[in-house]
Amino acid sequence: MKQQKLFTCQDIAHESEVIQGFCLNFGCQDAKSQFCLQCGFDPKKHTNCKKDLKVFGQIQSFITKFNQYLFELTTQLNKSYQSVKIKYEEFIKELEKMKIQLLKISEYLFQQDYKQIKDNLLIIKECYQFSNNQEEIIKQNQIGTQLQ
């Protein structure tokens, strides 16, 4: 009997009317979000949110569509993740190659193999330039932070 009361209108003027659905507007000013047919037609109820009065079938349809949207979003996110993962793995391989190359250059320096050092001078210059640029970026970020 109590469940029957929950699905009948709580408005005294039409308390035996069956609830048709709910208002889905967050800003709804009415005390109760459920509505019966009379509440839906009453010009004093849900004055600013008539378009947000949704019957149970519409709510079910919305939930189904939103669930499909979440599925598509998850699929898209998984594809993006896979793409980023591939790029990450490629970048890690390049970094590993560079580390090996730098270890070799270090060994050439230790052995004073200046021909090999000269042959690898471009790599040394690129690393040096990158390092200087990183230091400059850090300095600029610190200056920007201090100005704020």
N, C-alpha and C. Protein backbone atom coordinates (compact mmCIF):
# COMPACT_ATOMS: atom_id res chain seq x y z
N MET A 1 0.83 -1.20 0.00
CA MET A 1 0.00 0.00 0.00
C MET A 1 0.87 1.25 0.00
N LYS A 2 1.99 1.21 0.73
CA LYS A 2 2.86 2.37 0.80
C LYS A 2 3.47 2.66 -0.57
N GLN A 3 3.86 1.60 -1.32
CA GLN A 3 4.42 1.79 -2.65
C GLN A 3 3.40 2.45 -3.57
N GLN A 4 2.14 2.09 -3.46
CA GLN A 4 1.08 2.70 -4.25
C GLN A 4 1.03 4.20 -3.98
N LYS A 5 1.18 4.61 -2.72
CA LYS A 5 1.16 6.02 -2.35
C LYS A 5 2.31 6.77 -3.00
N LEU A 6 3.48 6.11 -3.10
CA LEU A 6 4.64 6.76 -3.69
C LEU A 6 4.42 7.08 -5.16
N PHE A 7 3.59 6.30 -5.84
CA PHE A 7 3.36 6.52 -7.26
C PHE A 7 2.03 7.21 -7.54
N THR A 8 1.46 7.83 -6.52
CA THR A 8 0.29 8.68 -6.72
C THR A 8 0.68 10.09 -6.31
N CYS A 9 0.00 11.04 -6.89
CA CYS A 9 0.34 12.45 -6.69
C CYS A 9 0.19 12.84 -5.22
N GLN A 10 1.13 13.63 -4.74
CA GLN A 10 1.12 14.08 -3.35
C GLN A 10 0.34 15.39 -3.19
N ASP A 11 -0.06 16.01 -4.29
CA ASP A 11 -0.85 17.24 -4.23
C ASP A 11 -2.25 16.89 -3.75
N ILE A 12 -2.74 17.58 -2.75
CA ILE A 12 -4.05 17.28 -2.14
C ILE A 12 -5.18 17.37 -3.17
N ALA A 13 -5.09 18.32 -4.10
CA ALA A 13 -6.15 18.52 -5.10
C ALA A 13 -6.28 17.33 -6.06
N HIS A 14 -5.21 16.60 -6.27
CA HIS A 14 -5.28 15.43 -7.16
C HIS A 14 -4.41 14.30 -6.64
N GLU A 15 -4.64 13.95 -5.36
CA GLU A 15 -3.80 12.95 -4.69
C GLU A 15 -3.98 11.52 -5.21
N SER A 16 -5.04 11.22 -5.90
CA SER A 16 -5.22 9.85 -6.39
C SER A 16 -4.67 9.67 -7.82
N GLU A 17 -4.21 10.75 -8.43
CA GLU A 17 -3.66 10.68 -9.79
C GLU A 17 -2.34 9.91 -9.79
N VAL A 18 -2.13 9.12 -10.83
CA VAL A 18 -0.90 8.32 -10.97
C VAL A 18 0.25 9.22 -11.43
N ILE A 19 1.41 9.01 -10.84
CA ILE A 19 2.61 9.75 -11.24
C ILE A 19 2.99 9.32 -12.65
N GLN A 20 3.25 10.31 -13.50
CA GLN A 20 3.60 10.04 -14.90
C GLN A 20 5.11 10.05 -15.14
N GLY A 21 5.82 10.82 -14.30
CA GLY A 21 7.27 10.93 -14.49
C GLY A 21 7.85 11.92 -13.50
N PHE A 22 9.00 12.47 -13.87
CA PHE A 22 9.72 13.39 -12.99
C PHE A 22 10.22 14.59 -13.76
N CYS A 23 10.41 15.69 -13.04
CA CYS A 23 11.06 16.87 -13.59
C CYS A 23 12.56 16.64 -13.43
N LEU A 24 13.31 16.79 -14.52
CA LEU A 24 14.74 16.52 -14.50
C LEU A 24 15.58 17.79 -14.43
N ASN A 25 14.93 18.91 -14.12
CA ASN A 25 15.64 20.19 -14.05
C ASN A 25 16.19 20.41 -12.64
N PHE A 26 17.52 20.63 -12.55
CA PHE A 26 18.14 20.88 -11.25
C PHE A 26 17.57 22.12 -10.57
N GLY A 27 17.20 23.11 -11.36
CA GLY A 27 16.71 24.37 -10.80
C GLY A 27 15.22 24.41 -10.54
N CYS A 28 14.55 23.27 -10.61
CA CYS A 28 13.10 23.21 -10.41
C CYS A 28 12.73 23.78 -9.04
N GLN A 29 11.77 24.70 -9.03
CA GLN A 29 11.35 25.36 -7.80
C GLN A 29 10.23 24.60 -7.07
N ASP A 30 9.63 23.61 -7.72
CA ASP A 30 8.56 22.85 -7.07
C ASP A 30 9.13 21.96 -5.98
N ALA A 31 8.35 21.78 -4.93
CA ALA A 31 8.80 20.98 -3.78
C ALA A 31 9.01 19.51 -4.15
N LYS A 32 8.21 19.01 -5.06
CA LYS A 32 8.31 17.61 -5.45
C LYS A 32 8.59 17.52 -6.94
N SER A 33 9.52 16.66 -7.30
CA SER A 33 9.90 16.57 -8.72
C SER A 33 8.97 15.67 -9.52
N GLN A 34 8.22 14.78 -8.85
CA GLN A 34 7.30 13.92 -9.59
C GLN A 34 6.08 14.72 -10.04
N PHE A 35 5.42 14.23 -11.10
CA PHE A 35 4.23 14.94 -11.57
C PHE A 35 3.19 13.94 -12.10
N CYS A 36 1.94 14.34 -11.95
CA CYS A 36 0.83 13.60 -12.55
C CYS A 36 0.36 14.42 -13.76
N LEU A 37 -0.65 13.95 -14.47
CA LEU A 37 -1.13 14.69 -15.63
C LEU A 37 -1.60 16.09 -15.25
N GLN A 38 -2.34 16.19 -14.13
CA GLN A 38 -2.85 17.49 -13.71
C GLN A 38 -1.71 18.44 -13.34
N CYS A 39 -0.68 17.92 -12.67
CA CYS A 39 0.49 18.75 -12.33
C CYS A 39 1.16 19.25 -13.61
N GLY A 40 1.24 18.38 -14.61
CA GLY A 40 1.87 18.74 -15.87
C GLY A 40 1.15 19.85 -16.60
N PHE A 41 -0.18 19.89 -16.46
CA PHE A 41 -0.96 20.93 -17.14
C PHE A 41 -1.18 22.16 -16.27
N ASP A 42 -0.94 22.06 -14.98
CA ASP A 42 -1.16 23.17 -14.05
C ASP A 42 -0.16 24.30 -14.34
N PRO A 43 -0.67 25.50 -14.70
CA PRO A 43 0.24 26.61 -15.04
C PRO A 43 1.05 27.12 -13.84
N LYS A 44 0.64 26.75 -12.63
CA LYS A 44 1.35 27.20 -11.43
C LYS A 44 2.48 26.24 -11.02
N LYS A 45 2.51 25.08 -11.61
CA LYS A 45 3.53 24.08 -11.26
C LYS A 45 4.56 23.97 -12.38
N HIS A 46 5.79 23.81 -11.99
CA HIS A 46 6.90 23.66 -12.93
C HIS A 46 6.87 24.76 -13.99
N THR A 47 6.68 25.99 -13.53
CA THR A 47 6.51 27.13 -14.45
C THR A 47 7.72 27.36 -15.35
N ASN A 48 8.90 27.16 -14.85
CA ASN A 48 10.11 27.44 -15.64
C ASN A 48 10.75 26.18 -16.23
N CYS A 49 10.09 25.04 -16.05
CA CYS A 49 10.75 23.80 -16.49
C CYS A 49 9.78 22.79 -17.10
N LYS A 50 8.74 23.25 -17.75
CA LYS A 50 7.77 22.33 -18.38
C LYS A 50 8.47 21.38 -19.36
N LYS A 51 9.46 21.90 -20.09
CA LYS A 51 10.15 21.06 -21.08
C LYS A 51 10.96 19.95 -20.42
N ASP A 52 11.23 20.08 -19.13
CA ASP A 52 12.03 19.08 -18.42
C ASP A 52 11.17 18.04 -17.71
N LEU A 53 9.85 18.11 -17.88
CA LEU A 53 8.97 17.08 -17.33
C LEU A 53 9.04 15.88 -18.27
N LYS A 54 9.55 14.78 -17.77
CA LYS A 54 9.75 13.60 -18.61
C LYS A 54 9.00 12.41 -18.02
N VAL A 55 8.22 11.75 -18.88
CA VAL A 55 7.51 10.55 -18.45
C VAL A 55 8.51 9.41 -18.35
N PHE A 56 8.11 8.33 -17.68
CA PHE A 56 9.04 7.22 -17.42
C PHE A 56 9.67 6.66 -18.70
N GLY A 57 8.89 6.56 -19.76
CA GLY A 57 9.42 6.06 -21.03
C GLY A 57 10.52 6.97 -21.58
N GLN A 58 10.32 8.29 -21.45
CA GLN A 58 11.34 9.24 -21.91
C GLN A 58 12.60 9.14 -21.05
N ILE A 59 12.41 8.94 -19.77
CA ILE A 59 13.56 8.79 -18.87
C ILE A 59 14.34 7.53 -19.24
N GLN A 60 13.61 6.44 -19.50
CA GLN A 60 14.28 5.19 -19.90
C GLN A 60 15.03 5.38 -21.22
N SER A 61 14.40 6.06 -22.17
CA SER A 61 15.03 6.32 -23.46
C SER A 61 16.29 7.18 -23.28
N PHE A 62 16.19 8.20 -22.43
CA PHE A 62 17.35 9.06 -22.15
C PHE A 62 18.48 8.24 -21.55
N ILE A 63 18.16 7.39 -20.58
CA ILE A 63 19.18 6.57 -19.92
C ILE A 63 19.85 5.64 -20.93
N THR A 64 19.05 5.05 -21.81
CA THR A 64 19.60 4.16 -22.85
C THR A 64 20.54 4.94 -23.76
N LYS A 65 20.11 6.13 -24.21
CA LYS A 65 20.96 6.95 -25.09
C LYS A 65 22.23 7.39 -24.37
N PHE A 66 22.10 7.79 -23.10
CA PHE A 66 23.26 8.25 -22.36
C PHE A 66 24.23 7.10 -22.12
N ASN A 67 23.69 5.93 -21.88
CA ASN A 67 24.53 4.74 -21.72
C ASN A 67 25.30 4.46 -23.01
N GLN A 68 24.64 4.61 -24.16
CA GLN A 68 25.30 4.43 -25.45
C GLN A 68 26.40 5.48 -25.63
N TYR A 69 26.10 6.72 -25.22
CA TYR A 69 27.10 7.80 -25.28
C TYR A 69 28.32 7.44 -24.43
N LEU A 70 28.09 6.93 -23.22
CA LEU A 70 29.20 6.53 -22.35
C LEU A 70 30.01 5.40 -22.97
N PHE A 71 29.33 4.46 -23.61
CA PHE A 71 30.02 3.36 -24.29
C PHE A 71 30.92 3.91 -25.41
N GLU A 72 30.37 4.82 -26.22
CA GLU A 72 31.14 5.41 -27.32
C GLU A 72 32.31 6.23 -26.78
N LEU A 73 32.08 6.96 -25.70
CA LEU A 73 33.13 7.75 -25.08
C LEU A 73 34.24 6.85 -24.56
N THR A 74 33.87 5.75 -23.95
CA THR A 74 34.85 4.78 -23.45
C THR A 74 35.65 4.19 -24.61
N THR A 75 34.97 3.84 -25.69
CA THR A 75 35.65 3.31 -26.87
C THR A 75 36.64 4.32 -27.43
N GLN A 76 36.19 5.56 -27.55
CA GLN A 76 37.05 6.63 -28.06
C GLN A 76 38.25 6.85 -27.14
N LEU A 77 38.01 6.83 -25.84
CA LEU A 77 39.09 7.01 -24.87
C LEU A 77 40.10 5.86 -24.96
N ASN A 78 39.61 4.64 -25.12
CA ASN A 78 40.50 3.49 -25.27
C ASN A 78 41.35 3.60 -26.52
N LYS A 79 40.75 4.08 -27.62
CA LYS A 79 41.52 4.28 -28.86
C LYS A 79 42.59 5.34 -28.64
N SER A 80 42.22 6.43 -27.99
CA SER A 80 43.19 7.49 -27.71
C SER A 80 44.31 6.97 -26.83
N TYR A 81 43.95 6.19 -25.83
CA TYR A 81 44.96 5.62 -24.93
C TYR A 81 45.93 4.74 -25.71
N GLN A 82 45.40 3.90 -26.59
CA GLN A 82 46.25 3.01 -27.38
C GLN A 82 47.20 3.81 -28.26
N SER A 83 46.68 4.88 -28.85
CA SER A 83 47.51 5.73 -29.70
C SER A 83 48.62 6.39 -28.89
N VAL A 84 48.27 6.91 -27.72
CA VAL A 84 49.27 7.54 -26.85
C VAL A 84 50.27 6.49 -26.37
N LYS A 85 49.79 5.31 -26.06
CA LYS A 85 50.67 4.23 -25.59
C LYS A 85 51.70 3.87 -26.66
N ILE A 86 51.26 3.80 -27.90
CA ILE A 86 52.17 3.49 -29.01
C ILE A 86 53.23 4.58 -29.13
N LYS A 87 52.79 5.84 -29.10
CA LYS A 87 53.75 6.96 -29.19
C LYS A 87 54.71 6.94 -28.01
N TYR A 88 54.19 6.64 -26.83
CA TYR A 88 55.03 6.55 -25.62
C TYR A 88 56.11 5.48 -25.81
N GLU A 89 55.71 4.32 -26.29
CA GLU A 89 56.66 3.22 -26.48
C GLU A 89 57.71 3.57 -27.53
N GLU A 90 57.29 4.26 -28.59
CA GLU A 90 58.25 4.70 -29.61
C GLU A 90 59.24 5.69 -29.01
N PHE A 91 58.73 6.61 -28.22
CA PHE A 91 59.58 7.64 -27.61
C PHE A 91 60.56 7.01 -26.61
N ILE A 92 60.09 6.05 -25.83
CA ILE A 92 60.96 5.36 -24.87
C ILE A 92 62.09 4.65 -25.61
N LYS A 93 61.78 4.02 -26.75
CA LYS A 93 62.82 3.35 -27.54
C LYS A 93 63.86 4.35 -28.02
N GLU A 94 63.39 5.51 -28.48
CA GLU A 94 64.32 6.55 -28.94
C GLU A 94 65.20 7.04 -27.79
N LEU A 95 64.59 7.21 -26.62
CA LEU A 95 65.38 7.65 -25.45
C LEU A 95 66.42 6.61 -25.08
N GLU A 96 66.04 5.35 -25.15
CA GLU A 96 66.99 4.27 -24.85
C GLU A 96 68.16 4.28 -25.84
N LYS A 97 67.84 4.47 -27.13
CA LYS A 97 68.90 4.55 -28.15
C LYS A 97 69.84 5.71 -27.84
N MET A 98 69.23 6.84 -27.46
CA MET A 98 70.03 8.02 -27.16
C MET A 98 70.93 7.78 -25.94
N LYS A 99 70.39 7.12 -24.91
CA LYS A 99 71.19 6.82 -23.72
C LYS A 99 72.38 5.93 -24.08
N ILE A 100 72.13 4.94 -24.91
CA ILE A 100 73.21 4.04 -25.35
C ILE A 100 74.26 4.83 -26.13
N GLN A 101 73.78 5.70 -27.02
CA GLN A 101 74.70 6.52 -27.81
C GLN A 101 75.54 7.43 -26.90
N LEU A 102 74.91 8.01 -25.89
CA LEU A 102 75.64 8.89 -24.97
C LEU A 102 76.65 8.10 -24.13
N LEU A 103 76.29 6.88 -23.77
CA LEU A 103 77.25 6.03 -23.05
C LEU A 103 78.47 5.74 -23.93
N LYS A 104 78.21 5.50 -25.20
CA LYS A 104 79.32 5.27 -26.14
C LYS A 104 80.20 6.52 -26.24
N ILE A 105 79.55 7.67 -26.35
CA ILE A 105 80.31 8.92 -26.45
C ILE A 105 81.13 9.14 -25.19
N SER A 106 80.55 8.82 -24.04
CA SER A 106 81.29 8.92 -22.77
C SER A 106 82.53 8.03 -22.81
N GLU A 107 82.34 6.85 -23.32
CA GLU A 107 83.46 5.91 -23.42
C GLU A 107 84.53 6.45 -24.38
N TYR A 108 84.08 7.06 -25.50
CA TYR A 108 85.03 7.66 -26.44
C TYR A 108 85.83 8.77 -25.75
N LEU A 109 85.15 9.54 -24.92
CA LEU A 109 85.84 10.61 -24.18
C LEU A 109 86.86 10.01 -23.22
N PHE A 110 86.44 8.98 -22.52
CA PHE A 110 87.33 8.32 -21.57
C PHE A 110 88.57 7.75 -22.28
N GLN A 111 88.34 7.20 -23.45
CA GLN A 111 89.44 6.59 -24.22
C GLN A 111 90.19 7.62 -25.08
N GLN A 112 89.70 8.84 -25.04
CA GLN A 112 90.27 9.94 -25.83
C GLN A 112 90.28 9.62 -27.33
N ASP A 113 89.17 9.01 -27.77
CA ASP A 113 89.00 8.68 -29.19
C ASP A 113 88.32 9.88 -29.86
N TYR A 114 89.14 10.86 -30.19
CA TYR A 114 88.61 12.13 -30.67
C TYR A 114 87.96 12.04 -32.05
N LYS A 115 88.36 11.07 -32.83
CA LYS A 115 87.70 10.89 -34.13
C LYS A 115 86.22 10.52 -33.91
N GLN A 116 85.98 9.58 -32.99
CA GLN A 116 84.59 9.18 -32.69
C GLN A 116 83.82 10.34 -32.05
N ILE A 117 84.51 11.10 -31.22
CA ILE A 117 83.85 12.26 -30.60
C ILE A 117 83.44 13.24 -31.69
N LYS A 118 84.37 13.50 -32.62
CA LYS A 118 84.07 14.41 -33.73
C LYS A 118 82.93 13.87 -34.58
N ASP A 119 82.92 12.57 -34.83
CA ASP A 119 81.84 11.95 -35.62
C ASP A 119 80.48 12.07 -34.92
N ASN A 120 80.50 12.17 -33.60
CA ASN A 120 79.26 12.26 -32.81
C ASN A 120 79.00 13.67 -32.28
N LEU A 121 79.74 14.64 -32.81
CA LEU A 121 79.62 16.01 -32.33
C LEU A 121 78.20 16.57 -32.50
N LEU A 122 77.54 16.20 -33.57
CA LEU A 122 76.17 16.68 -33.81
C LEU A 122 75.25 16.25 -32.66
N ILE A 123 75.36 15.02 -32.23
CA ILE A 123 74.53 14.53 -31.12
C ILE A 123 74.86 15.30 -29.84
N ILE A 124 76.14 15.52 -29.60
CA ILE A 124 76.55 16.26 -28.40
C ILE A 124 75.98 17.67 -28.44
N LYS A 125 76.07 18.31 -29.61
CA LYS A 125 75.53 19.68 -29.76
C LYS A 125 74.01 19.70 -29.54
N GLU A 126 73.31 18.72 -30.09
CA GLU A 126 71.85 18.66 -29.91
C GLU A 126 71.49 18.52 -28.44
N CYS A 127 72.21 17.65 -27.74
CA CYS A 127 71.95 17.46 -26.30
C CYS A 127 72.26 18.73 -25.52
N TYR A 128 73.37 19.36 -25.88
CA TYR A 128 73.79 20.59 -25.22
C TYR A 128 72.74 21.69 -25.43
N GLN A 129 72.29 21.84 -26.68
CA GLN A 129 71.29 22.86 -27.01
C GLN A 129 69.98 22.57 -26.27
N PHE A 130 69.56 21.33 -26.27
CA PHE A 130 68.33 20.94 -25.57
C PHE A 130 68.44 21.27 -24.09
N SER A 131 69.58 20.93 -23.49
CA SER A 131 69.79 21.19 -22.07
C SER A 131 69.72 22.68 -21.77
N ASN A 132 70.35 23.50 -22.60
CA ASN A 132 70.30 24.95 -22.40
C ASN A 132 68.89 25.48 -22.56
N ASN A 133 68.16 24.96 -23.53
CA ASN A 133 66.77 25.39 -23.72
C ASN A 133 65.92 25.02 -22.52
N GLN A 134 66.12 23.84 -21.97
CA GLN A 134 65.36 23.41 -20.79
C GLN A 134 65.64 24.34 -19.61
N GLU A 135 66.91 24.68 -19.41
CA GLU A 135 67.27 25.59 -18.32
C GLU A 135 66.62 26.95 -18.52
N GLU A 136 66.58 27.43 -19.76
CA GLU A 136 65.96 28.72 -20.07
C GLU A 136 64.45 28.66 -19.81
N ILE A 137 63.83 27.58 -20.20
CA ILE A 137 62.39 27.41 -19.96
C ILE A 137 62.10 27.41 -18.47
N ILE A 138 62.92 26.71 -17.69
CA ILE A 138 62.74 26.67 -16.23
C ILE A 138 62.88 28.07 -15.65
N LYS A 139 63.88 28.82 -16.10
CA LYS A 139 64.08 30.20 -15.62
C LYS A 139 62.87 31.07 -15.95
N GLN A 140 62.38 30.96 -17.18
CA GLN A 140 61.22 31.76 -17.59
C GLN A 140 59.99 31.39 -16.78
N ASN A 141 59.80 30.13 -16.51
CA ASN A 141 58.67 29.69 -15.69
C ASN A 141 58.78 30.24 -14.27
N GLN A 142 59.99 30.25 -13.73
CA GLN A 142 60.20 30.78 -12.38
C GLN A 142 59.92 32.27 -12.35
N ILE A 143 60.37 33.00 -13.37
CA ILE A 143 60.10 34.44 -13.45
C ILE A 143 58.61 34.68 -13.57
N GLY A 144 57.94 33.90 -14.42
CA GLY A 144 56.49 34.03 -14.59
C GLY A 144 55.74 33.75 -13.30
N THR A 145 56.20 32.76 -12.55
CA THR A 145 55.57 32.41 -11.28
C THR A 145 55.76 33.54 -10.26
N GLN A 146 56.94 34.14 -10.26
CA GLN A 146 57.22 35.23 -9.32
C GLN A 146 56.39 36.46 -9.63
N LEU A 147 56.08 36.70 -10.90
CA LEU A 147 55.29 37.87 -11.30
C LEU A 147 53.83 37.74 -10.92
N GLN A 148 53.38 36.52 -10.75
CA GLN A 148 51.96 36.31 -10.43
C GLN A 148 51.71 36.59 -9.03
